Amino acid sequence: MAFNYHRELQAWVVPLLLVGFFAYLMSHSFLSVFEVTADATLLCFAIDMETNDGTAEKPYFVDQELLTFVSQSNKLTEGRKHRNTRPFQDNEDGTELQPMV
């Protein structure tokens, strides 16, 4: 109805919708390529950790920065697990609300 009563809207709404649609397609394509690249990197990291043990005979091929980042992330995750394994205070079934940290 807005297009029937306001003809001046037809001059800029259709190109705006087309630009928005193509911008969405381009950003979705870029993020899909980025997602596949990140997945492939992490899968290669996992296979490297599984097949090699870091000795002189079987050294890691992963970048040291990535290895350091993952080891620090594992330490943080372990710390959170130990903090969350305390016994329940009010209810034995664990239905009380826990603060988000």
PDB file of N, CA and C in Angstrom:
ATOM      1  N   MET A   1       0.828  -1.197   0.000  1.00  0.00           N
ATOM      2  CA  MET A   1       0.000   0.000   0.000  1.00  0.00           C
ATOM      3  C   MET A   1       0.861   1.246   0.000  1.00  0.00           C
ATOM      4  N   ALA A   2       2.017   1.171   0.659  1.00  0.00           N
ATOM      5  CA  ALA A   2       2.885   2.345   0.690  1.00  0.00           C
ATOM      6  C   ALA A   2       3.385   2.679  -0.704  1.00  0.00           C
ATOM      7  N   PHE A   3       3.639   1.667  -1.528  1.00  0.00           N
ATOM      8  CA  PHE A   3       4.107   1.926  -2.886  1.00  0.00           C
ATOM      9  C   PHE A   3       2.998   2.502  -3.761  1.00  0.00           C
ATOM     10  N   ASN A   4       1.751   2.115  -3.497  1.00  0.00           N
ATOM     11  CA  ASN A   4       0.644   2.638  -4.302  1.00  0.00           C
ATOM     12  C   ASN A   4       0.413   4.118  -4.055  1.00  0.00           C
ATOM     13  N   TYR A   5       0.563   4.576  -2.814  1.00  0.00           N
ATOM     14  CA  TYR A   5       0.267   5.960  -2.481  1.00  0.00           C
ATOM     15  C   TYR A   5       1.489   6.872  -2.547  1.00  0.00           C
ATOM     16  N   HIS A   6       2.690   6.294  -2.424  1.00  0.00           N
ATOM     17  CA  HIS A   6       3.916   7.105  -2.451  1.00  0.00           C
ATOM     18  C   HIS A   6       4.829   6.573  -3.550  1.00  0.00           C
ATOM     19  N   ARG A   7       4.690   7.110  -4.730  1.00  0.00           N
ATOM     20  CA  ARG A   7       5.472   6.642  -5.866  1.00  0.00           C
ATOM     21  C   ARG A   7       6.954   6.957  -5.704  1.00  0.00           C
ATOM     22  N   GLU A   8       7.285   7.964  -4.907  1.00  0.00           N
ATOM     23  CA  GLU A   8       8.698   8.305  -4.739  1.00  0.00           C
ATOM     24  C   GLU A   8       9.457   7.234  -3.943  1.00  0.00           C
ATOM     25  N   LEU A   9       8.744   6.367  -3.222  1.00  0.00           N
ATOM     26  CA  LEU A   9       9.399   5.276  -2.505  1.00  0.00           C
ATOM     27  C   LEU A   9       9.964   4.234  -3.467  1.00  0.00           C
ATOM     28  N   GLN A  10       9.352   4.055  -4.610  1.00  0.00           N
ATOM     29  CA  GLN A  10       9.818   3.063  -5.568  1.00  0.00           C
ATOM     30  C   GLN A  10      11.185   3.414  -6.125  1.00  0.00           C
ATOM     31  N   ALA A  11      11.579   4.655  -6.058  1.00  0.00           N
ATOM     32  CA  ALA A  11      12.844   5.083  -6.640  1.00  0.00           C
ATOM     33  C   ALA A  11      14.045   4.593  -5.842  1.00  0.00           C
ATOM     34  N   TRP A  12      13.938   4.437  -4.537  1.00  0.00           N
ATOM     35  CA  TRP A  12      15.113   4.053  -3.755  1.00  0.00           C
ATOM     36  C   TRP A  12      14.941   2.767  -2.950  1.00  0.00           C
ATOM     37  N   VAL A  13      13.734   2.257  -2.781  1.00  0.00           N
ATOM     38  CA  VAL A  13      13.543   1.059  -1.962  1.00  0.00           C
ATOM     39  C   VAL A  13      14.042  -0.195  -2.688  1.00  0.00           C
ATOM     40  N   VAL A  14      13.743  -0.340  -3.953  1.00  0.00           N
ATOM     41  CA  VAL A  14      14.145  -1.535  -4.696  1.00  0.00           C
ATOM     42  C   VAL A  14      15.667  -1.627  -4.810  1.00  0.00           C
ATOM     43  N   PRO A  15      16.390  -0.565  -5.184  1.00  0.00           N
ATOM     44  CA  PRO A  15      17.857  -0.674  -5.190  1.00  0.00           C
ATOM     45  C   PRO A  15      18.438  -0.934  -3.801  1.00  0.00           C
ATOM     46  N   LEU A  16      17.829  -0.360  -2.787  1.00  0.00           N
ATOM     47  CA  LEU A  16      18.299  -0.589  -1.419  1.00  0.00           C
ATOM     48  C   LEU A  16      18.132  -2.047  -1.024  1.00  0.00           C
ATOM     49  N   LEU A  17      17.003  -2.643  -1.368  1.00  0.00           N
ATOM     50  CA  LEU A  17      16.787  -4.061  -1.059  1.00  0.00           C
ATOM     51  C   LEU A  17      17.748  -4.948  -1.843  1.00  0.00           C
ATOM     52  N   LEU A  18      18.010  -4.605  -3.098  1.00  0.00           N
ATOM     53  CA  LEU A  18      18.965  -5.376  -3.895  1.00  0.00           C
ATOM     54  C   LEU A  18      20.380  -5.292  -3.318  1.00  0.00           C
ATOM     55  N   VAL A  19      20.801  -4.109  -2.939  1.00  0.00           N
ATOM     56  CA  VAL A  19      22.130  -3.946  -2.344  1.00  0.00           C
ATOM     57  C   VAL A  19      22.217  -4.715  -1.027  1.00  0.00           C
ATOM     58  N   GLY A  20      21.165  -4.647  -0.221  1.00  0.00           N
ATOM     59  CA  GLY A  20      21.155  -5.395   1.041  1.00  0.00           C
ATOM     60  C   GLY A  20      21.220  -6.893   0.818  1.00  0.00           C
ATOM     61  N   PHE A  21      20.509  -7.389  -0.177  1.00  0.00           N
ATOM     62  CA  PHE A  21      20.522  -8.823  -0.477  1.00  0.00           C
ATOM     63  C   PHE A  21      21.895  -9.272  -0.943  1.00  0.00           C
ATOM     64  N   PHE A  22      22.511  -8.528  -1.851  1.00  0.00           N
ATOM     65  CA  PHE A  22      23.836  -8.907  -2.341  1.00  0.00           C
ATOM     66  C   PHE A  22      24.908  -8.744  -1.268  1.00  0.00           C
ATOM     67  N   ALA A  23      24.755  -7.766  -0.399  1.00  0.00           N
ATOM     68  CA  ALA A  23      25.703  -7.622   0.715  1.00  0.00           C
ATOM     69  C   ALA A  23      25.597  -8.813   1.652  1.00  0.00           C
ATOM     70  N   TYR A  24      24.382  -9.282   1.890  1.00  0.00           N
ATOM     71  CA  TYR A  24      24.198 -10.482   2.716  1.00  0.00           C
ATOM     72  C   TYR A  24      24.851 -11.694   2.060  1.00  0.00           C
ATOM     73  N   LEU A  25      24.661 -11.872   0.764  1.00  0.00           N
ATOM     74  CA  LEU A  25      25.268 -13.005   0.062  1.00  0.00           C
ATOM     75  C   LEU A  25      26.794 -12.955   0.131  1.00  0.00           C
ATOM     76  N   MET A  26      27.375 -11.793  -0.070  1.00  0.00           N
ATOM     77  CA  MET A  26      28.840 -11.670  -0.033  1.00  0.00           C
ATOM     78  C   MET A  26      29.373 -11.924   1.378  1.00  0.00           C
ATOM     79  N   SER A  27      28.734 -11.377   2.387  1.00  0.00           N
ATOM     80  CA  SER A  27      29.217 -11.593   3.755  1.00  0.00           C
ATOM     81  C   SER A  27      29.040 -13.049   4.164  1.00  0.00           C
ATOM     82  N   HIS A  28      27.963 -13.671   3.750  1.00  0.00           N
ATOM     83  CA  HIS A  28      27.755 -15.088   4.062  1.00  0.00           C
ATOM     84  C   HIS A  28      28.812 -15.946   3.375  1.00  0.00           C
ATOM     85  N   SER A  29      29.144 -15.616   2.138  1.00  0.00           N
ATOM     86  CA  SER A  29      30.190 -16.368   1.427  1.00  0.00           C
ATOM     87  C   SER A  29      31.541 -16.203   2.102  1.00  0.00           C
ATOM     88  N   PHE A  30      31.898 -15.001   2.490  1.00  0.00           N
ATOM     89  CA  PHE A  30      33.171 -14.757   3.160  1.00  0.00           C
ATOM     90  C   PHE A  30      33.234 -15.508   4.479  1.00  0.00           C
ATOM     91  N   LEU A  31      32.189 -15.436   5.271  1.00  0.00           N
ATOM     92  CA  LEU A  31      32.194 -16.114   6.572  1.00  0.00           C
ATOM     93  C   LEU A  31      32.189 -17.629   6.417  1.00  0.00           C
ATOM     94  N   SER A  32      31.598 -18.145   5.354  1.00  0.00           N
ATOM     95  CA  SER A  32      31.636 -19.586   5.110  1.00  0.00           C
ATOM     96  C   SER A  32      33.055 -20.040   4.802  1.00  0.00           C
ATOM     97  N   VAL A  33      33.784 -19.276   4.005  1.00  0.00           N
ATOM     98  CA  VAL A  33      35.179 -19.608   3.712  1.00  0.00           C
ATOM     99  C   VAL A  33      36.017 -19.522   4.989  1.00  0.00           C
ATOM    100  N   PHE A  34      35.788 -18.503   5.793  1.00  0.00           N
ATOM    101  CA  PHE A  34      36.507 -18.359   7.060  1.00  0.00           C
ATOM    102  C   PHE A  34      36.214 -19.529   7.986  1.00  0.00           C
ATOM    103  N   GLU A  35      34.964 -19.973   8.051  1.00  0.00           N
ATOM    104  CA  GLU A  35      34.576 -21.095   8.903  1.00  0.00           C
ATOM    105  C   GLU A  35      35.261 -22.388   8.466  1.00  0.00           C
ATOM    106  N   VAL A  36      35.289 -22.644   7.174  1.00  0.00           N
ATOM    107  CA  VAL A  36      35.935 -23.852   6.664  1.00  0.00           C
ATOM    108  C   VAL A  36      37.432 -23.818   6.948  1.00  0.00           C
ATOM    109  N   THR A  37      38.057 -22.660   6.806  1.00  0.00           N
ATOM    110  CA  THR A  37      39.482 -22.527   7.091  1.00  0.00           C
ATOM    111  C   THR A  37      39.777 -22.779   8.564  1.00  0.00           C
ATOM    112  N   ALA A  38      38.978 -22.222   9.446  1.00  0.00           N
ATOM    113  CA  ALA A  38      39.183 -22.433  10.882  1.00  0.00           C
ATOM    114  C   ALA A  38      38.962 -23.900  11.249  1.00  0.00           C
ATOM    115  N   ASP A  39      37.945 -24.529  10.680  1.00  0.00           N
ATOM    116  CA  ASP A  39      37.702 -25.949  10.942  1.00  0.00           C
ATOM    117  C   ASP A  39      38.859 -26.814  10.476  1.00  0.00           C
ATOM    118  N   ALA A  40      39.381 -26.521   9.285  1.00  0.00           N
ATOM    119  CA  ALA A  40      40.498 -27.309   8.760  1.00  0.00           C
ATOM    120  C   ALA A  40      41.747 -27.137   9.619  1.00  0.00           C
ATOM    121  N   THR A  41      41.995 -25.923  10.093  1.00  0.00           N
ATOM    122  CA  THR A  41      43.149 -25.679  10.957  1.00  0.00           C
ATOM    123  C   THR A  41      43.032 -26.454  12.256  1.00  0.00           C
ATOM    124  N   LEU A  42      41.862 -26.438  12.856  1.00  0.00           N
ATOM    125  CA  LEU A  42      41.690 -27.151  14.124  1.00  0.00           C
ATOM    126  C   LEU A  42      41.713 -28.665  13.938  1.00  0.00           C
ATOM    127  N   LEU A  43      41.206 -29.163  12.812  1.00  0.00           N
ATOM    128  CA  LEU A  43      41.300 -30.596  12.548  1.00  0.00           C
ATOM    129  C   LEU A  43      42.746 -31.033  12.326  1.00  0.00           C
ATOM    130  N   CYS A  44      43.519 -30.225  11.613  1.00  0.00           N
ATOM    131  CA  CYS A  44      44.947 -30.537  11.432  1.00  0.00           C
ATOM    132  C   CYS A  44      45.670 -30.511  12.767  1.00  0.00           C
ATOM    133  N   PHE A  45      45.304 -29.577  13.637  1.00  0.00           N
ATOM    134  CA  PHE A  45      45.898 -29.523  14.970  1.00  0.00           C
ATOM    135  C   PHE A  45      45.581 -30.788  15.759  1.00  0.00           C
ATOM    136  N   ALA A  46      44.334 -31.223  15.701  1.00  0.00           N
ATOM    137  CA  ALA A  46      43.937 -32.421  16.438  1.00  0.00           C
ATOM    138  C   ALA A  46      44.655 -33.664  15.913  1.00  0.00           C
ATOM    139  N   ILE A  47      44.797 -33.778  14.625  1.00  0.00           N
ATOM    140  CA  ILE A  47      45.496 -34.935  14.055  1.00  0.00           C
ATOM    141  C   ILE A  47      46.975 -34.891  14.407  1.00  0.00           C
ATOM    142  N   ASP A  48      47.564 -33.697  14.419  1.00  0.00           N
ATOM    143  CA  ASP A  48      48.969 -33.567  14.797  1.00  0.00           C
ATOM    144  C   ASP A  48      49.178 -33.972  16.249  1.00  0.00           C
ATOM    145  N   MET A  49      48.267 -33.576  17.129  1.00  0.00           N
ATOM    146  CA  MET A  49      48.390 -33.953  18.543  1.00  0.00           C
ATOM    147  C   MET A  49      48.192 -35.457  18.729  1.00  0.00           C
ATOM    148  N   GLU A  50      47.364 -36.051  17.894  1.00  0.00           N
ATOM    149  CA  GLU A  50      47.078 -37.475  18.025  1.00  0.00           C
ATOM    150  C   GLU A  50      48.218 -38.342  17.499  1.00  0.00           C
ATOM    151  N   THR A  51      48.838 -37.934  16.412  1.00  0.00           N
ATOM    152  CA  THR A  51      49.857 -38.780  15.785  1.00  0.00           C
ATOM    153  C   THR A  51      51.268 -38.506  16.292  1.00  0.00           C
ATOM    154  N   ASN A  52      51.550 -37.314  16.769  1.00  0.00           N
ATOM    155  CA  ASN A  52      52.894 -36.967  17.228  1.00  0.00           C
ATOM    156  C   ASN A  52      52.884 -36.755  18.734  1.00  0.00           C
ATOM    157  N   ASP A  53      54.070 -36.961  19.340  1.00  0.00           N
ATOM    158  CA  ASP A  53      54.139 -36.803  20.796  1.00  0.00           C
ATOM    159  C   ASP A  53      55.107 -35.713  21.233  1.00  0.00           C
ATOM    160  N   GLY A  54      55.706 -34.977  20.321  1.00  0.00           N
ATOM    161  CA  GLY A  54      56.579 -33.872  20.670  1.00  0.00           C
ATOM    162  C   GLY A  54      58.026 -34.252  20.913  1.00  0.00           C
ATOM    163  N   THR A  55      58.393 -35.511  20.755  1.00  0.00           N
ATOM    164  CA  THR A  55      59.780 -35.928  20.927  1.00  0.00           C
ATOM    165  C   THR A  55      60.576 -35.602  19.667  1.00  0.00           C
ATOM    166  N   ALA A  56      61.876 -35.908  19.720  1.00  0.00           N
ATOM    167  CA  ALA A  56      62.737 -35.630  18.559  1.00  0.00           C
ATOM    168  C   ALA A  56      62.378 -36.524  17.374  1.00  0.00           C
ATOM    169  N   GLU A  57      61.896 -37.739  17.662  1.00  0.00           N
ATOM    170  CA  GLU A  57      61.519 -38.649  16.574  1.00  0.00           C
ATOM    171  C   GLU A  57      60.195 -38.251  15.939  1.00  0.00           C
ATOM    172  N   LYS A  58      59.274 -37.770  16.756  1.00  0.00           N
ATOM    173  CA  LYS A  58      57.938 -37.375  16.284  1.00  0.00           C
ATOM    174  C   LYS A  58      57.623 -35.965  16.780  1.00  0.00           C
ATOM    175  N   PRO A  59      58.206 -34.935  16.173  1.00  0.00           N
ATOM    176  CA  PRO A  59      57.940 -33.569  16.666  1.00  0.00           C
ATOM    177  C   PRO A  59      56.555 -33.083  16.231  1.00  0.00           C
ATOM    178  N   TYR A  60      56.040 -32.121  16.990  1.00  0.00           N
ATOM    179  CA  TYR A  60      54.795 -31.483  16.597  1.00  0.00           C
ATOM    180  C   TYR A  60      55.053 -30.577  15.395  1.00  0.00           C
ATOM    181  N   PHE A  61      54.122 -30.536  14.458  1.00  0.00           N
ATOM    182  CA  PHE A  61      54.213 -29.652  13.307  1.00  0.00           C
ATOM    183  C   PHE A  61      53.370 -28.393  13.487  1.00  0.00           C
ATOM    184  N   VAL A  62      52.679 -28.307  14.595  1.00  0.00           N
ATOM    185  CA  VAL A  62      51.796 -27.178  14.856  1.00  0.00           C
ATOM    186  C   VAL A  62      52.628 -25.956  15.255  1.00  0.00           C
ATOM    187  N   ASP A  63      52.094 -24.777  14.972  1.00  0.00           N
ATOM    188  CA  ASP A  63      52.745 -23.537  15.351  1.00  0.00           C
ATOM    189  C   ASP A  63      52.765 -23.421  16.878  1.00  0.00           C
ATOM    190  N   GLN A  64      53.851 -22.912  17.422  1.00  0.00           N
ATOM    191  CA  GLN A  64      53.998 -22.825  18.878  1.00  0.00           C
ATOM    192  C   GLN A  64      52.966 -21.890  19.501  1.00  0.00           C
ATOM    193  N   GLU A  65      52.586 -20.841  18.811  1.00  0.00           N
ATOM    194  CA  GLU A  65      51.583 -19.922  19.347  1.00  0.00           C
ATOM    195  C   GLU A  65      50.234 -20.619  19.503  1.00  0.00           C
ATOM    196  N   LEU A  66      49.854 -21.423  18.519  1.00  0.00           N
ATOM    197  CA  LEU A  66      48.597 -22.164  18.612  1.00  0.00           C
ATOM    198  C   LEU A  66      48.660 -23.196  19.730  1.00  0.00           C
ATOM    199  N   LEU A  67      49.795 -23.866  19.869  1.00  0.00           N
ATOM    200  CA  LEU A  67      49.963 -24.850  20.931  1.00  0.00           C
ATOM    201  C   LEU A  67      49.883 -24.189  22.299  1.00  0.00           C
ATOM    202  N   THR A  68      50.510 -23.031  22.459  1.00  0.00           N
ATOM    203  CA  THR A  68      50.444 -22.299  23.721  1.00  0.00           C
ATOM    204  C   THR A  68      49.019 -21.850  24.019  1.00  0.00           C
ATOM    205  N   PHE A  69      48.324 -21.343  22.997  1.00  0.00           N
ATOM    206  CA  PHE A  69      46.946 -20.889  23.186  1.00  0.00           C
ATOM    207  C   PHE A  69      46.040 -22.030  23.631  1.00  0.00           C
ATOM    208  N   VAL A  70      46.162 -23.179  22.989  1.00  0.00           N
ATOM    209  CA  VAL A  70      45.303 -24.315  23.334  1.00  0.00           C
ATOM    210  C   VAL A  70      45.636 -24.833  24.732  1.00  0.00           C
ATOM    211  N   SER A  71      46.904 -24.878  25.091  1.00  0.00           N
ATOM    212  CA  SER A  71      47.263 -25.360  26.427  1.00  0.00           C
ATOM    213  C   SER A  71      46.755 -24.405  27.499  1.00  0.00           C
ATOM    214  N   GLN A  72      46.814 -23.092  27.260  1.00  0.00           N
ATOM    215  CA  GLN A  72      46.267 -22.136  28.226  1.00  0.00           C
ATOM    216  C   GLN A  72      44.749 -22.261  28.318  1.00  0.00           C
ATOM    217  N   SER A  73      44.086 -22.508  27.185  1.00  0.00           N
ATOM    218  CA  SER A  73      42.631 -22.698  27.201  1.00  0.00           C
ATOM    219  C   SER A  73      42.265 -23.947  27.985  1.00  0.00           C
ATOM    220  N   ASN A  74      43.069 -25.005  27.855  1.00  0.00           N
ATOM    221  CA  ASN A  74      42.811 -26.230  28.614  1.00  0.00           C
ATOM    222  C   ASN A  74      42.977 -25.993  30.100  1.00  0.00           C
ATOM    223  N   LYS A  75      43.965 -25.200  30.502  1.00  0.00           N
ATOM    224  CA  LYS A  75      44.154 -24.895  31.917  1.00  0.00           C
ATOM    225  C   LYS A  75      42.964 -24.134  32.472  1.00  0.00           C
ATOM    226  N   LEU A  76      42.452 -23.169  31.702  1.00  0.00           N
ATOM    227  CA  LEU A  76      41.282 -22.417  32.149  1.00  0.00           C
ATOM    228  C   LEU A  76      40.053 -23.312  32.262  1.00  0.00           C
ATOM    229  N   THR A  77      39.888 -24.207  31.301  1.00  0.00           N
ATOM    230  CA  THR A  77      38.745 -25.120  31.325  1.00  0.00           C
ATOM    231  C   THR A  77      38.835 -26.058  32.521  1.00  0.00           C
ATOM    232  N   GLU A  78      40.021 -26.570  32.807  1.00  0.00           N
ATOM    233  CA  GLU A  78      40.194 -27.449  33.965  1.00  0.00           C
ATOM    234  C   GLU A  78      39.901 -26.706  35.261  1.00  0.00           C
ATOM    235  N   GLY A  79      40.320 -25.453  35.337  1.00  0.00           N
ATOM    236  CA  GLY A  79      40.033 -24.654  36.530  1.00  0.00           C
ATOM    237  C   GLY A  79      38.544 -24.457  36.729  1.00  0.00           C
ATOM    238  N   ARG A  80      37.809 -24.251  35.663  1.00  0.00           N
ATOM    239  CA  ARG A  80      36.360 -24.098  35.769  1.00  0.00           C
ATOM    240  C   ARG A  80      35.694 -25.404  36.172  1.00  0.00           C
ATOM    241  N   LYS A  81      36.203 -26.520  35.672  1.00  0.00           N
ATOM    242  CA  LYS A  81      35.614 -27.814  36.040  1.00  0.00           C
ATOM    243  C   LYS A  81      35.798 -28.078  37.520  1.00  0.00           C
ATOM    244  N   HIS A  82      36.989 -27.792  38.051  1.00  0.00           N
ATOM    245  CA  HIS A  82      37.240 -28.029  39.469  1.00  0.00           C
ATOM    246  C   HIS A  82      36.400 -27.104  40.337  1.00  0.00           C
ATOM    247  N   ARG A  83      36.177 -25.895  39.868  1.00  0.00           N
ATOM    248  CA  ARG A  83      35.372 -24.949  40.628  1.00  0.00           C
ATOM    249  C   ARG A  83      33.902 -25.363  40.640  1.00  0.00           C
ATOM    250  N   ASN A  84      33.435 -25.994  39.558  1.00  0.00           N
ATOM    251  CA  ASN A  84      32.022 -26.381  39.458  1.00  0.00           C
ATOM    252  C   ASN A  84      31.726 -27.738  40.076  1.00  0.00           C
ATOM    253  N   THR A  85      32.720 -28.479  40.546  1.00  0.00           N
ATOM    254  CA  THR A  85      32.474 -29.799  41.114  1.00  0.00           C
ATOM    255  C   THR A  85      32.279 -29.768  42.617  1.00  0.00           C
ATOM    256  N   ARG A  86      32.093 -28.603  43.202  1.00  0.00           N
ATOM    257  CA  ARG A  86      31.848 -28.537  44.642  1.00  0.00           C
ATOM    258  C   ARG A  86      30.484 -29.152  44.947  1.00  0.00           C
ATOM    259  N   PRO A  87      30.297 -29.649  46.157  1.00  0.00           N
ATOM    260  CA  PRO A  87      29.014 -30.299  46.476  1.00  0.00           C
ATOM    261  C   PRO A  87      27.872 -29.290  46.483  1.00  0.00           C
ATOM    262  N   PHE A  88      26.681 -29.801  46.214  1.00  0.00           N
ATOM    263  CA  PHE A  88      25.496 -28.954  46.190  1.00  0.00           C
ATOM    264  C   PHE A  88      25.211 -28.445  47.591  1.00  0.00           C
ATOM    265  N   GLN A  89      24.798 -27.187  47.678  1.00  0.00           N
ATOM    266  CA  GLN A  89      24.604 -26.580  48.986  1.00  0.00           C
ATOM    267  C   GLN A  89      23.169 -26.743  49.492  1.00  0.00           C
ATOM    268  N   ASP A  90      22.191 -26.462  48.641  1.00  0.00           N
ATOM    269  CA  ASP A  90      20.810 -26.468  49.107  1.00  0.00           C
ATOM    270  C   ASP A  90      20.075 -27.742  48.722  1.00  0.00           C
ATOM    271  N   ASN A  91      20.125 -28.108  47.476  1.00  0.00           N
ATOM    272  CA  ASN A  91      19.372 -29.256  46.978  1.00  0.00           C
ATOM    273  C   ASN A  91      20.329 -30.335  46.515  1.00  0.00           C
ATOM    274  N   GLU A  92      19.998 -31.557  46.784  1.00  0.00           N
ATOM    275  CA  GLU A  92      20.851 -32.663  46.379  1.00  0.00           C
ATOM    276  C   GLU A  92      20.748 -32.952  44.880  1.00  0.00           C
ATOM    277  N   ASP A  93      19.648 -32.547  44.255  1.00  0.00           N
ATOM    278  CA  ASP A  93      19.494 -32.830  42.832  1.00  0.00           C
ATOM    279  C   ASP A  93      20.104 -31.745  41.948  1.00  0.00           C
ATOM    280  N   GLY A  94      20.622 -30.680  42.534  1.00  0.00           N
ATOM    281  CA  GLY A  94      21.324 -29.671  41.765  1.00  0.00           C
ATOM    282  C   GLY A  94      20.430 -28.697  41.037  1.00  0.00           C
ATOM    283  N   THR A  95      19.239 -28.439  41.540  1.00  0.00           N
ATOM    284  CA  THR A  95      18.326 -27.546  40.846  1.00  0.00           C
ATOM    285  C   THR A  95      18.459 -26.096  41.285  1.00  0.00           C
ATOM    286  N   GLU A  96      19.366 -25.783  42.214  1.00  0.00           N
ATOM    287  CA  GLU A  96      19.496 -24.407  42.623  1.00  0.00           C
ATOM    288  C   GLU A  96      20.207 -23.611  41.541  1.00  0.00           C
ATOM    289  N   LEU A  97      20.008 -22.311  41.545  1.00  0.00           N
ATOM    290  CA  LEU A  97      20.614 -21.451  40.558  1.00  0.00           C
ATOM    291  C   LEU A  97      22.062 -21.175  40.940  1.00  0.00           C
ATOM    292  N   GLN A  98      22.953 -21.293  39.955  1.00  0.00           N
ATOM    293  CA  GLN A  98      24.373 -21.007  40.166  1.00  0.00           C
ATOM    294  C   GLN A  98      24.697 -19.671  39.531  1.00  0.00           C
ATOM    295  N   PRO A  99      25.537 -18.868  40.161  1.00  0.00           N
ATOM    296  CA  PRO A  99      25.901 -17.579  39.534  1.00  0.00           C
ATOM    297  C   PRO A  99      26.753 -17.826  38.302  1.00  0.00           C
ATOM    298  N   MET A 100      26.537 -16.981  37.304  1.00  0.00           N
ATOM    299  CA  MET A 100      27.346 -17.080  36.081  1.00  0.00           C
ATOM    300  C   MET A 100      28.637 -16.328  36.300  1.00  0.00           C
ATOM    301  N   VAL A 101      29.747 -16.987  35.999  1.00  0.00           N
ATOM    302  CA  VAL A 101      31.060 -16.361  36.208  1.00  0.00           C
ATOM    303  C   VAL A 101      31.724 -16.101  34.907  1.00  0.00           C
TER     304      VAL A 101
END
